[in-house]
Each structure stands twice: as structure tokens, then as C-alpha cells.
């Protein structure tokens, strides 16, 4: 009974926090904005790589400690995502700008 109430309280707190931060005029420091932009720049790539990398590490789950395997998978997924996204996802603005110029569709 208390587990459900606790989970509802925590999820409600997160929802309130996200709603509050969207409508507040709080200015985030530039360093935090850079970190958020870095994480957001490869979020789709990390989404696509999570399952395949976890599937590749699945045979090692019986031979390794679960915590160390989690840390290794977390680092591997983030590293691979940043590496792949630096060539693809981060360059989408430059690619779209190139095609807009090429086909004379700029504003």
C-alpha cells in the first residue's frame, strides 16, 4: 500500500517540477545549457543503440557482477552514441542548411 502512495508522490513531484520549469522564467547557467545541449544532441542515437548493445552484453551477465556490467554498458552506449551522432545527428543543421542553399529554398 505504501509503495503505491510513494510512487504516486514521486511521479507527481516530477510532473510538478517539469511543469514548473517550463513556465518559469528561470535562467539556467551557460554550463548547464551546454551539458543539456550535448546530451540532447545524441539522444536519438542513444535510443537506437540501447537495445542492441545490451543484447550484445547479455551473454556476460552470468560471468560478471550486475553493477559492473551496468556501468560498462552505460559507458559503452554513451561513447558509441556520441561517436555515431557526431557524424550524423549533430550535423543535421548543417546538412539541412546545405540542401536549402542547393535548392534555393532559404527564407
PDB file of N, CA and C in Angstrom:
ATOM      1  N   UNK A   1       0.821  -1.203   0.000  1.00  0.00           N
ATOM      2  CA  UNK A   1       0.000   0.000   0.000  1.00  0.00           C
ATOM      3  C   UNK A   1       0.865   1.268   0.000  1.00  0.00           C
ATOM      4  N   UNK A   2       1.906   1.272   0.848  1.00  0.00           N
ATOM      5  CA  UNK A   2       2.734   2.472   0.916  1.00  0.00           C
ATOM      6  C   UNK A   2       3.615   2.620  -0.321  1.00  0.00           C
ATOM      7  N   UNK A   3       3.943   1.513  -0.985  1.00  0.00           N
ATOM      8  CA  UNK A   3       4.743   1.583  -2.197  1.00  0.00           C
ATOM      9  C   UNK A   3       4.021   2.336  -3.302  1.00  0.00           C
ATOM     10  N   UNK A   4       2.730   2.094  -3.458  1.00  0.00           N
ATOM     11  CA  UNK A   4       1.940   2.782  -4.476  1.00  0.00           C
ATOM     12  C   UNK A   4       1.834   4.266  -4.152  1.00  0.00           C
ATOM     13  N   UNK A   5       1.582   4.588  -2.896  1.00  0.00           N
ATOM     14  CA  UNK A   5       1.487   6.001  -2.498  1.00  0.00           C
ATOM     15  C   UNK A   5       2.816   6.720  -2.698  1.00  0.00           C
ATOM     16  N   UNK A   6       3.899   6.046  -2.345  1.00  0.00           N
ATOM     17  CA  UNK A   6       5.222   6.636  -2.521  1.00  0.00           C
ATOM     18  C   UNK A   6       5.509   6.889  -3.999  1.00  0.00           C
ATOM     19  N   UNK A   7       5.212   5.906  -4.846  1.00  0.00           N
ATOM     20  CA  UNK A   7       5.442   6.070  -6.284  1.00  0.00           C
ATOM     21  C   UNK A   7       4.582   7.178  -6.875  1.00  0.00           C
ATOM     22  N   UNK A   8       3.334   7.284  -6.453  1.00  0.00           N
ATOM     23  CA  UNK A   8       2.467   8.372  -6.923  1.00  0.00           C
ATOM     24  C   UNK A   8       2.995   9.730  -6.478  1.00  0.00           C
ATOM     25  N   UNK A   9       3.482   9.804  -5.235  1.00  0.00           N
ATOM     26  CA  UNK A   9       4.044  11.059  -4.727  1.00  0.00           C
ATOM     27  C   UNK A   9       5.289  11.460  -5.516  1.00  0.00           C
ATOM     28  N   UNK A  10       6.168  10.511  -5.770  1.00  0.00           N
ATOM     29  CA  UNK A  10       7.396  10.807  -6.527  1.00  0.00           C
ATOM     30  C   UNK A  10       7.064  11.218  -7.965  1.00  0.00           C
ATOM     31  N   UNK A  11       6.181  10.470  -8.629  1.00  0.00           N
ATOM     32  CA  UNK A  11       5.841  10.817 -10.014  1.00  0.00           C
ATOM     33  C   UNK A  11       5.113  12.153 -10.086  1.00  0.00           C
ATOM     34  N   UNK A  12       4.258  12.437  -9.120  1.00  0.00           N
ATOM     35  CA  UNK A  12       3.593  13.741  -9.068  1.00  0.00           C
ATOM     36  C   UNK A  12       4.584  14.868  -8.847  1.00  0.00           C
ATOM     37  N   UNK A  13       5.589  14.624  -8.016  1.00  0.00           N
ATOM     38  CA  UNK A  13       6.619  15.643  -7.776  1.00  0.00           C
ATOM     39  C   UNK A  13       7.405  15.924  -9.045  1.00  0.00           C
ATOM     40  N   UNK A  14       7.759  14.873  -9.788  1.00  0.00           N
ATOM     41  CA  UNK A  14       8.475  15.070 -11.048  1.00  0.00           C
ATOM     42  C   UNK A  14       7.614  15.836 -12.057  1.00  0.00           C
ATOM     43  N   UNK A  15       6.350  15.483 -12.151  1.00  0.00           N
ATOM     44  CA  UNK A  15       5.454  16.197 -13.072  1.00  0.00           C
ATOM     45  C   UNK A  15       5.351  17.665 -12.702  1.00  0.00           C
ATOM     46  N   UNK A  16       5.187  17.955 -11.412  1.00  0.00           N
ATOM     47  CA  UNK A  16       5.118  19.348 -10.967  1.00  0.00           C
ATOM     48  C   UNK A  16       6.409  20.078 -11.286  1.00  0.00           C
ATOM     49  N   UNK A  17       7.552  19.414 -11.055  1.00  0.00           N
ATOM     50  CA  UNK A  17       8.842  20.039 -11.322  1.00  0.00           C
ATOM     51  C   UNK A  17       8.981  20.387 -12.804  1.00  0.00           C
ATOM     52  N   UNK A  18       8.619  19.451 -13.701  1.00  0.00           N
ATOM     53  CA  UNK A  18       8.740  19.716 -15.133  1.00  0.00           C
ATOM     54  C   UNK A  18       7.787  20.810 -15.585  1.00  0.00           C
ATOM     55  N   UNK A  19       6.576  20.819 -15.073  1.00  0.00           N
ATOM     56  CA  UNK A  19       5.621  21.874 -15.426  1.00  0.00           C
ATOM     57  C   UNK A  19       6.116  23.216 -14.904  1.00  0.00           C
ATOM     58  N   UNK A  20       6.634  23.248 -13.684  1.00  0.00           N
ATOM     59  CA  UNK A  20       7.126  24.487 -13.090  1.00  0.00           C
ATOM     60  C   UNK A  20       8.306  25.046 -13.880  1.00  0.00           C
ATOM     61  N   UNK A  21       9.235  24.161 -14.293  1.00  0.00           N
ATOM     62  CA  UNK A  21      10.405  24.659 -15.021  1.00  0.00           C
ATOM     63  C   UNK A  21      10.062  25.120 -16.429  1.00  0.00           C
ATOM     64  N   UNK A  22       9.006  24.574 -17.031  1.00  0.00           N
ATOM     65  CA  UNK A  22       8.627  25.018 -18.368  1.00  0.00           C
ATOM     66  C   UNK A  22       8.045  26.424 -18.355  1.00  0.00           C
ATOM     67  N   UNK A  23       7.310  26.770 -17.325  1.00  0.00           N
ATOM     68  CA  UNK A  23       6.616  28.051 -17.294  1.00  0.00           C
ATOM     69  C   UNK A  23       7.297  29.083 -16.404  1.00  0.00           C
ATOM     70  N   UNK A  24       8.447  28.771 -15.857  1.00  0.00           N
ATOM     71  CA  UNK A  24       9.157  29.746 -15.041  1.00  0.00           C
ATOM     72  C   UNK A  24      10.131  30.531 -15.911  1.00  0.00           C
ATOM     73  N   UNK A  25      10.540  31.656 -15.432  1.00  0.00           N
ATOM     74  CA  UNK A  25      11.485  32.487 -16.173  1.00  0.00           C
ATOM     75  C   UNK A  25      12.887  32.320 -15.608  1.00  0.00           C
ATOM     76  N   UNK A  26      13.172  31.150 -15.092  1.00  0.00           N
ATOM     77  CA  UNK A  26      14.477  30.849 -14.515  1.00  0.00           C
ATOM     78  C   UNK A  26      15.522  30.750 -15.616  1.00  0.00           C
ATOM     79  N   UNK A  27      16.637  31.414 -15.431  1.00  0.00           N
ATOM     80  CA  UNK A  27      17.737  31.367 -16.394  1.00  0.00           C
ATOM     81  C   UNK A  27      18.764  30.338 -15.928  1.00  0.00           C
ATOM     82  N   UNK A  28      18.990  29.346 -16.768  1.00  0.00           N
ATOM     83  CA  UNK A  28      19.973  28.320 -16.444  1.00  0.00           C
ATOM     84  C   UNK A  28      21.366  28.838 -16.758  1.00  0.00           C
ATOM     85  N   UNK A  29      22.355  28.452 -15.974  1.00  0.00           N
ATOM     86  CA  UNK A  29      23.735  28.842 -16.298  1.00  0.00           C
ATOM     87  C   UNK A  29      24.167  28.267 -17.642  1.00  0.00           C
ATOM     88  N   UNK A  30      25.109  28.941 -18.301  1.00  0.00           N
ATOM     89  CA  UNK A  30      25.557  28.516 -19.625  1.00  0.00           C
ATOM     90  C   UNK A  30      26.179  27.126 -19.609  1.00  0.00           C
ATOM     91  N   UNK A  31      26.869  26.787 -18.535  1.00  0.00           N
ATOM     92  CA  UNK A  31      27.498  25.470 -18.457  1.00  0.00           C
ATOM     93  C   UNK A  31      26.442  24.368 -18.440  1.00  0.00           C
ATOM     94  N   UNK A  32      25.357  24.579 -17.718  1.00  0.00           N
ATOM     95  CA  UNK A  32      24.279  23.587 -17.675  1.00  0.00           C
ATOM     96  C   UNK A  32      23.595  23.503 -19.035  1.00  0.00           C
ATOM     97  N   UNK A  33      23.415  24.642 -19.715  1.00  0.00           N
ATOM     98  CA  UNK A  33      22.823  24.630 -21.055  1.00  0.00           C
ATOM     99  C   UNK A  33      23.688  23.849 -22.028  1.00  0.00           C
ATOM    100  N   UNK A  34      25.015  23.993 -21.930  1.00  0.00           N
ATOM    101  CA  UNK A  34      25.912  23.257 -22.816  1.00  0.00           C
ATOM    102  C   UNK A  34      25.815  21.752 -22.564  1.00  0.00           C
ATOM    103  N   UNK A  35      25.731  21.365 -21.294  1.00  0.00           N
ATOM    104  CA  UNK A  35      25.619  19.940 -20.963  1.00  0.00           C
ATOM    105  C   UNK A  35      24.295  19.385 -21.484  1.00  0.00           C
ATOM    106  N   UNK A  36      23.211  20.134 -21.298  1.00  0.00           N
ATOM    107  CA  UNK A  36      21.898  19.692 -21.774  1.00  0.00           C
ATOM    108  C   UNK A  36      21.890  19.592 -23.299  1.00  0.00           C
ATOM    109  N   UNK A  37      22.481  20.570 -23.976  1.00  0.00           N
ATOM    110  CA  UNK A  37      22.541  20.518 -25.446  1.00  0.00           C
ATOM    111  C   UNK A  37      23.384  19.345 -25.939  1.00  0.00           C
ATOM    112  N   UNK A  38      24.471  19.027 -25.223  1.00  0.00           N
ATOM    113  CA  UNK A  38      25.298  17.878 -25.609  1.00  0.00           C
ATOM    114  C   UNK A  38      24.503  16.583 -25.477  1.00  0.00           C
ATOM    115  N   UNK A  39      23.828  16.417 -24.347  1.00  0.00           N
ATOM    116  CA  UNK A  39      23.042  15.199 -24.131  1.00  0.00           C
ATOM    117  C   UNK A  39      21.891  15.124 -25.131  1.00  0.00           C
ATOM    118  N   UNK A  40      21.250  16.241 -25.402  1.00  0.00           N
ATOM    119  CA  UNK A  40      20.130  16.245 -26.344  1.00  0.00           C
ATOM    120  C   UNK A  40      20.590  16.027 -27.775  1.00  0.00           C
ATOM    121  N   UNK A  41      21.837  16.353 -28.075  1.00  0.00           N
ATOM    122  CA  UNK A  41      22.310  16.227 -29.451  1.00  0.00           C
ATOM    123  C   UNK A  41      22.481  14.777 -29.891  1.00  0.00           C
ATOM    124  N   UNK A  42      22.621  13.855 -28.954  1.00  0.00           N
ATOM    125  CA  UNK A  42      22.751  12.456 -29.356  1.00  0.00           C
ATOM    126  C   UNK A  42      21.686  11.567 -28.717  1.00  0.00           C
ATOM    127  N   UNK A  43      20.567  12.133 -28.333  1.00  0.00           N
ATOM    128  CA  UNK A  43      19.535  11.366 -27.638  1.00  0.00           C
ATOM    129  C   UNK A  43      18.889  10.313 -28.538  1.00  0.00           C
ATOM    130  N   UNK A  44      18.656  10.613 -29.809  1.00  0.00           N
ATOM    131  CA  UNK A  44      18.034   9.635 -30.691  1.00  0.00           C
ATOM    132  C   UNK A  44      18.986   8.477 -30.970  1.00  0.00           C
ATOM    133  N   UNK A  45      20.259   8.769 -31.116  1.00  0.00           N
ATOM    134  CA  UNK A  45      21.248   7.722 -31.340  1.00  0.00           C
ATOM    135  C   UNK A  45      21.362   6.821 -30.126  1.00  0.00           C
ATOM    136  N   UNK A  46      21.333   7.394 -28.940  1.00  0.00           N
ATOM    137  CA  UNK A  46      21.406   6.571 -27.729  1.00  0.00           C
ATOM    138  C   UNK A  46      20.154   5.714 -27.598  1.00  0.00           C
ATOM    139  N   UNK A  47      19.030   6.244 -28.027  1.00  0.00           N
ATOM    140  CA  UNK A  47      17.788   5.464 -28.020  1.00  0.00           C
ATOM    141  C   UNK A  47      17.904   4.261 -28.955  1.00  0.00           C
ATOM    142  N   UNK A  48      18.486   4.465 -30.128  1.00  0.00           N
ATOM    143  CA  UNK A  48      18.621   3.376 -31.096  1.00  0.00           C
ATOM    144  C   UNK A  48      19.676   2.339 -30.691  1.00  0.00           C
ATOM    145  N   UNK A  49      20.679   2.747 -29.930  1.00  0.00           N
ATOM    146  CA  UNK A  49      21.765   1.834 -29.581  1.00  0.00           C
ATOM    147  C   UNK A  49      21.558   1.077 -28.275  1.00  0.00           C
ATOM    148  N   UNK A  50      20.637   1.508 -27.426  1.00  0.00           N
ATOM    149  CA  UNK A  50      20.475   0.858 -26.122  1.00  0.00           C
ATOM    150  C   UNK A  50      20.216  -0.630 -26.239  1.00  0.00           C
ATOM    151  N   UNK A  51      19.216  -1.011 -26.980  1.00  0.00           N
ATOM    152  CA  UNK A  51      18.833  -2.422 -27.042  1.00  0.00           C
ATOM    153  C   UNK A  51      19.903  -3.299 -27.689  1.00  0.00           C
ATOM    154  N   UNK A  52      20.471  -2.917 -28.844  1.00  0.00           N
ATOM    155  CA  UNK A  52      21.497  -3.792 -29.440  1.00  0.00           C
ATOM    156  C   UNK A  52      22.728  -3.977 -28.559  1.00  0.00           C
ATOM    157  N   UNK A  53      23.186  -2.928 -27.886  1.00  0.00           N
ATOM    158  CA  UNK A  53      24.375  -3.059 -27.045  1.00  0.00           C
ATOM    159  C   UNK A  53      24.059  -3.916 -25.820  1.00  0.00           C
ATOM    160  N   UNK A  54      22.897  -3.726 -25.230  1.00  0.00           N
ATOM    161  CA  UNK A  54      22.515  -4.573 -24.091  1.00  0.00           C
ATOM    162  C   UNK A  54      22.392  -6.026 -24.546  1.00  0.00           C
ATOM    163  N   UNK A  55      21.879  -6.248 -25.740  1.00  0.00           N
ATOM    164  CA  UNK A  55      21.767  -7.604 -26.278  1.00  0.00           C
ATOM    165  C   UNK A  55      23.149  -8.230 -26.492  1.00  0.00           C
ATOM    166  N   UNK A  56      24.124  -7.418 -26.915  1.00  0.00           N
ATOM    167  CA  UNK A  56      25.478  -7.938 -27.109  1.00  0.00           C
ATOM    168  C   UNK A  56      26.153  -8.288 -25.785  1.00  0.00           C
ATOM    169  N   UNK A  57      25.842  -7.555 -24.719  1.00  0.00           N
ATOM    170  CA  UNK A  57      26.439  -7.818 -23.416  1.00  0.00           C
ATOM    171  C   UNK A  57      25.677  -8.868 -22.606  1.00  0.00           C
ATOM    172  N   UNK A  58      24.544  -9.320 -23.090  1.00  0.00           N
ATOM    173  CA  UNK A  58      23.722 -10.296 -22.351  1.00  0.00           C
ATOM    174  C   UNK A  58      24.459 -11.597 -22.035  1.00  0.00           C
ATOM    175  N   UNK A  59      25.295 -12.136 -22.922  1.00  0.00           N
ATOM    176  CA  UNK A  59      26.000 -13.384 -22.566  1.00  0.00           C
ATOM    177  C   UNK A  59      26.938 -13.250 -21.365  1.00  0.00           C
ATOM    178  N   UNK A  60      27.350 -12.036 -21.033  1.00  0.00           N
ATOM    179  CA  UNK A  60      28.279 -11.828 -19.928  1.00  0.00           C
ATOM    180  C   UNK A  60      27.581 -11.648 -18.588  1.00  0.00           C
ATOM    181  N   UNK A  61      26.248 -11.674 -18.560  1.00  0.00           N
ATOM    182  CA  UNK A  61      25.540 -11.371 -17.313  1.00  0.00           C
ATOM    183  C   UNK A  61      25.771 -12.417 -16.225  1.00  0.00           C
ATOM    184  N   UNK A  62      26.068 -13.665 -16.618  1.00  0.00           N
ATOM    185  CA  UNK A  62      26.321 -14.693 -15.607  1.00  0.00           C
ATOM    186  C   UNK A  62      27.762 -14.695 -15.123  1.00  0.00           C
ATOM    187  N   UNK A  63      28.672 -14.136 -15.906  1.00  0.00           N
ATOM    188  CA  UNK A  63      30.087 -14.150 -15.543  1.00  0.00           C
ATOM    189  C   UNK A  63      30.546 -12.882 -14.842  1.00  0.00           C
ATOM    190  N   UNK A  64      29.765 -11.820 -14.938  1.00  0.00           N
ATOM    191  CA  UNK A  64      30.173 -10.541 -14.342  1.00  0.00           C
ATOM    192  C   UNK A  64      29.180 -10.099 -13.283  1.00  0.00           C
ATOM    193  N   UNK A  65      29.650  -9.220 -12.414  1.00  0.00           N
ATOM    194  CA  UNK A  65      28.791  -8.588 -11.426  1.00  0.00           C
ATOM    195  C   UNK A  65      27.786  -7.692 -12.150  1.00  0.00           C
ATOM    196  N   UNK A  66      26.540  -7.681 -11.720  1.00  0.00           N
ATOM    197  CA  UNK A  66      25.499  -6.902 -12.398  1.00  0.00           C
ATOM    198  C   UNK A  66      25.807  -5.412 -12.402  1.00  0.00           C
ATOM    199  N   UNK A  67      26.339  -4.887 -11.305  1.00  0.00           N
ATOM    200  CA  UNK A  67      26.644  -3.458 -11.232  1.00  0.00           C
ATOM    201  C   UNK A  67      27.771  -3.084 -12.188  1.00  0.00           C
ATOM    202  N   UNK A  68      28.813  -3.890 -12.226  1.00  0.00           N
ATOM    203  CA  UNK A  68      29.918  -3.576 -13.139  1.00  0.00           C
ATOM    204  C   UNK A  68      29.473  -3.711 -14.591  1.00  0.00           C
ATOM    205  N   UNK A  69      28.623  -4.685 -14.881  1.00  0.00           N
ATOM    206  CA  UNK A  69      28.103  -4.830 -16.242  1.00  0.00           C
ATOM    207  C   UNK A  69      27.242  -3.629 -16.620  1.00  0.00           C
ATOM    208  N   UNK A  70      26.432  -3.157 -15.695  1.00  0.00           N
ATOM    209  CA  UNK A  70      25.608  -1.965 -15.944  1.00  0.00           C
ATOM    210  C   UNK A  70      26.470  -0.746 -16.242  1.00  0.00           C
ATOM    211  N   UNK A  71      27.527  -0.570 -15.476  1.00  0.00           N
ATOM    212  CA  UNK A  71      28.415   0.582 -15.680  1.00  0.00           C
ATOM    213  C   UNK A  71      29.127   0.475 -17.036  1.00  0.00           C
ATOM    214  N   UNK A  72      29.588  -0.725 -17.381  1.00  0.00           N
ATOM    215  CA  UNK A  72      30.268  -0.919 -18.664  1.00  0.00           C
ATOM    216  C   UNK A  72      29.313  -0.656 -19.828  1.00  0.00           C
ATOM    217  N   UNK A  73      28.094  -1.189 -19.738  1.00  0.00           N
ATOM    218  CA  UNK A  73      27.110  -0.981 -20.803  1.00  0.00           C
ATOM    219  C   UNK A  73      26.747   0.499 -20.907  1.00  0.00           C
ATOM    220  N   UNK A  74      26.566   1.175 -19.781  1.00  0.00           N
ATOM    221  CA  UNK A  74      26.231   2.601 -19.780  1.00  0.00           C
ATOM    222  C   UNK A  74      27.324   3.418 -20.470  1.00  0.00           C
ATOM    223  N   UNK A  75      28.567   3.151 -20.113  1.00  0.00           N
ATOM    224  CA  UNK A  75      29.683   3.893 -20.716  1.00  0.00           C
ATOM    225  C   UNK A  75      29.804   3.557 -22.203  1.00  0.00           C
ATOM    226  N   UNK A  76      29.663   2.274 -22.546  1.00  0.00           N
ATOM    227  CA  UNK A  76      29.786   1.870 -23.949  1.00  0.00           C
ATOM    228  C   UNK A  76      28.694   2.492 -24.811  1.00  0.00           C
ATOM    229  N   UNK A  77      27.462   2.472 -24.325  1.00  0.00           N
ATOM    230  CA  UNK A  77      26.350   3.044 -25.097  1.00  0.00           C
ATOM    231  C   UNK A  77      26.542   4.539 -25.286  1.00  0.00           C
ATOM    232  N   UNK A  78      26.925   5.240 -24.237  1.00  0.00           N
ATOM    233  CA  UNK A  78      27.129   6.689 -24.365  1.00  0.00           C
ATOM    234  C   UNK A  78      28.292   7.012 -25.290  1.00  0.00           C
ATOM    235  N   UNK A  79      29.374   6.279 -25.172  1.00  0.00           N
ATOM    236  CA  UNK A  79      30.529   6.534 -26.035  1.00  0.00           C
ATOM    237  C   UNK A  79      30.190   6.278 -27.500  1.00  0.00           C
ATOM    238  N   UNK A  80      29.575   5.131 -27.775  1.00  0.00           N
ATOM    239  CA  UNK A  80      29.194   4.830 -29.155  1.00  0.00           C
ATOM    240  C   UNK A  80      28.180   5.829 -29.696  1.00  0.00           C
ATOM    241  N   UNK A  81      27.261   6.259 -28.864  1.00  0.00           N
ATOM    242  CA  UNK A  81      26.251   7.228 -29.300  1.00  0.00           C
ATOM    243  C   UNK A  81      26.867   8.569 -29.644  1.00  0.00           C
ATOM    244  N   UNK A  82      27.773   9.018 -28.819  1.00  0.00           N
ATOM    245  CA  UNK A  82      28.443  10.296 -29.105  1.00  0.00           C
ATOM    246  C   UNK A  82      29.263  10.172 -30.391  1.00  0.00           C
ATOM    247  N   UNK A  83      29.939   9.044 -30.556  1.00  0.00           N
ATOM    248  CA  UNK A  83      30.757   8.829 -31.747  1.00  0.00           C
ATOM    249  C   UNK A  83      29.908   8.816 -33.014  1.00  0.00           C
ATOM    250  N   UNK A  84      28.827   8.071 -33.012  1.00  0.00           N
ATOM    251  CA  UNK A  84      27.966   7.994 -34.196  1.00  0.00           C
ATOM    252  C   UNK A  84      27.229   9.305 -34.425  1.00  0.00           C
ATOM    253  N   UNK A  85      26.737   9.919 -33.366  1.00  0.00           N
ATOM    254  CA  UNK A  85      25.974  11.161 -33.513  1.00  0.00           C
ATOM    255  C   UNK A  85      26.836  12.319 -33.992  1.00  0.00           C
ATOM    256  N   UNK A  86      28.123  12.284 -33.700  1.00  0.00           N
ATOM    257  CA  UNK A  86      28.981  13.376 -34.164  1.00  0.00           C
ATOM    258  C   UNK A  86      29.060  13.423 -35.681  1.00  0.00           C
ATOM    259  N   UNK A  87      28.826  12.282 -36.341  1.00  0.00           N
ATOM    260  CA  UNK A  87      28.826  12.246 -37.800  1.00  0.00           C
ATOM    261  C   UNK A  87      27.437  12.394 -38.390  1.00  0.00           C
ATOM    262  N   UNK A  88      26.417  12.084 -37.629  1.00  0.00           N
ATOM    263  CA  UNK A  88      25.076  12.072 -38.207  1.00  0.00           C
ATOM    264  C   UNK A  88      24.140  13.081 -37.539  1.00  0.00           C
ATOM    265  N   UNK A  89      23.766  12.816 -36.318  1.00  0.00           N
ATOM    266  CA  UNK A  89      22.704  13.583 -35.674  1.00  0.00           C
ATOM    267  C   UNK A  89      23.082  15.034 -35.391  1.00  0.00           C
ATOM    268  N   UNK A  90      24.320  15.261 -35.014  1.00  0.00           N
ATOM    269  CA  UNK A  90      24.755  16.623 -34.692  1.00  0.00           C
ATOM    270  C   UNK A  90      24.873  17.466 -35.961  1.00  0.00           C
ATOM    271  N   UNK A  91      25.103  16.831 -37.091  1.00  0.00           N
ATOM    272  CA  UNK A  91      25.302  17.537 -38.350  1.00  0.00           C
ATOM    273  C   UNK A  91      24.006  17.851 -39.098  1.00  0.00           C
ATOM    274  N   UNK A  92      22.845  17.523 -38.533  1.00  0.00           N
ATOM    275  CA  UNK A  92      21.594  17.720 -39.265  1.00  0.00           C
ATOM    276  C   UNK A  92      21.346  19.179 -39.615  1.00  0.00           C
ATOM    277  N   UNK A  93      21.746  20.095 -38.740  1.00  0.00           N
ATOM    278  CA  UNK A  93      21.556  21.515 -39.043  1.00  0.00           C
ATOM    279  C   UNK A  93      22.385  21.918 -40.259  1.00  0.00           C
ATOM    280  N   UNK A  94      23.627  21.472 -40.305  1.00  0.00           N
ATOM    281  CA  UNK A  94      24.493  21.799 -41.451  1.00  0.00           C
ATOM    282  C   UNK A  94      23.994  21.144 -42.731  1.00  0.00           C
ATOM    283  N   UNK A  95      23.516  19.917 -42.625  1.00  0.00           N
ATOM    284  CA  UNK A  95      23.002  19.215 -43.808  1.00  0.00           C
ATOM    285  C   UNK A  95      21.750  19.898 -44.333  1.00  0.00           C
ATOM    286  N   UNK A  96      20.841  20.268 -43.432  1.00  0.00           N
ATOM    287  CA  UNK A  96      19.618  20.944 -43.888  1.00  0.00           C
ATOM    288  C   UNK A  96      19.938  22.309 -44.485  1.00  0.00           C
ATOM    289  N   UNK A  97      20.898  23.003 -43.911  1.00  0.00           N
ATOM    290  CA  UNK A  97      21.303  24.297 -44.457  1.00  0.00           C
ATOM    291  C   UNK A  97      21.905  24.136 -45.855  1.00  0.00           C
ATOM    292  N   UNK A  98      22.695  23.081 -46.052  1.00  0.00           N
ATOM    293  CA  UNK A  98      23.288  22.795 -47.350  1.00  0.00           C
ATOM    294  C   UNK A  98      22.210  22.559 -48.402  1.00  0.00           C
ATOM    295  N   UNK A  99      21.222  21.718 -48.078  1.00  0.00           N
ATOM    296  CA  UNK A  99      20.168  21.418 -49.042  1.00  0.00           C
ATOM    297  C   UNK A  99      19.263  22.621 -49.297  1.00  0.00           C
ATOM    298  N   UNK A 100      19.041  23.434 -48.288  1.00  0.00           N
ATOM    299  CA  UNK A 100      18.235  24.635 -48.508  1.00  0.00           C
ATOM    300  C   UNK A 100      18.940  25.587 -49.473  1.00  0.00           C
ATOM    301  N   UNK A 101      20.258  25.713 -49.326  1.00  0.00           N
ATOM    302  CA  UNK A 101      21.011  26.568 -50.261  1.00  0.00           C
ATOM    303  C   UNK A 101      21.045  25.958 -51.656  1.00  0.00           C
ATOM    304  N   UNK A 102      21.244  24.654 -51.727  1.00  0.00           N
ATOM    305  CA  UNK A 102      21.375  23.995 -53.024  1.00  0.00           C
ATOM    306  C   UNK A 102      20.118  24.110 -53.842  1.00  0.00           C
ATOM    307  N   UNK A 103      18.959  23.995 -53.224  1.00  0.00           N
ATOM    308  CA  UNK A 103      17.688  24.043 -53.937  1.00  0.00           C
ATOM    309  C   UNK A 103      16.993  25.401 -53.833  1.00  0.00           C
ATOM    310  N   UNK A 104      17.737  26.419 -53.409  1.00  0.00           N
ATOM    311  CA  UNK A 104      17.227  27.784 -53.316  1.00  0.00           C
ATOM    312  C   UNK A 104      15.917  27.880 -52.529  1.00  0.00           C
ATOM    313  N   UNK A 105      15.910  27.282 -51.371  1.00  0.00           N
ATOM    314  CA  UNK A 105      14.719  27.281 -50.527  1.00  0.00           C
ATOM    315  C   UNK A 105      14.910  28.058 -49.234  1.00  0.00           C
ATOM    316  N   UNK A 106      15.944  28.870 -49.175  1.00  0.00           N
ATOM    317  CA  UNK A 106      16.214  29.635 -47.961  1.00  0.00           C
ATOM    318  C   UNK A 106      15.140  30.703 -47.779  1.00  0.00           C
ATOM    319  N   UNK A 107      14.978  31.103 -46.556  1.00  0.00           N
ATOM    320  CA  UNK A 107      13.978  32.137 -46.242  1.00  0.00           C
ATOM    321  C   UNK A 107      14.474  33.501 -46.642  1.00  0.00           C
TER     322      UNK A 107
END
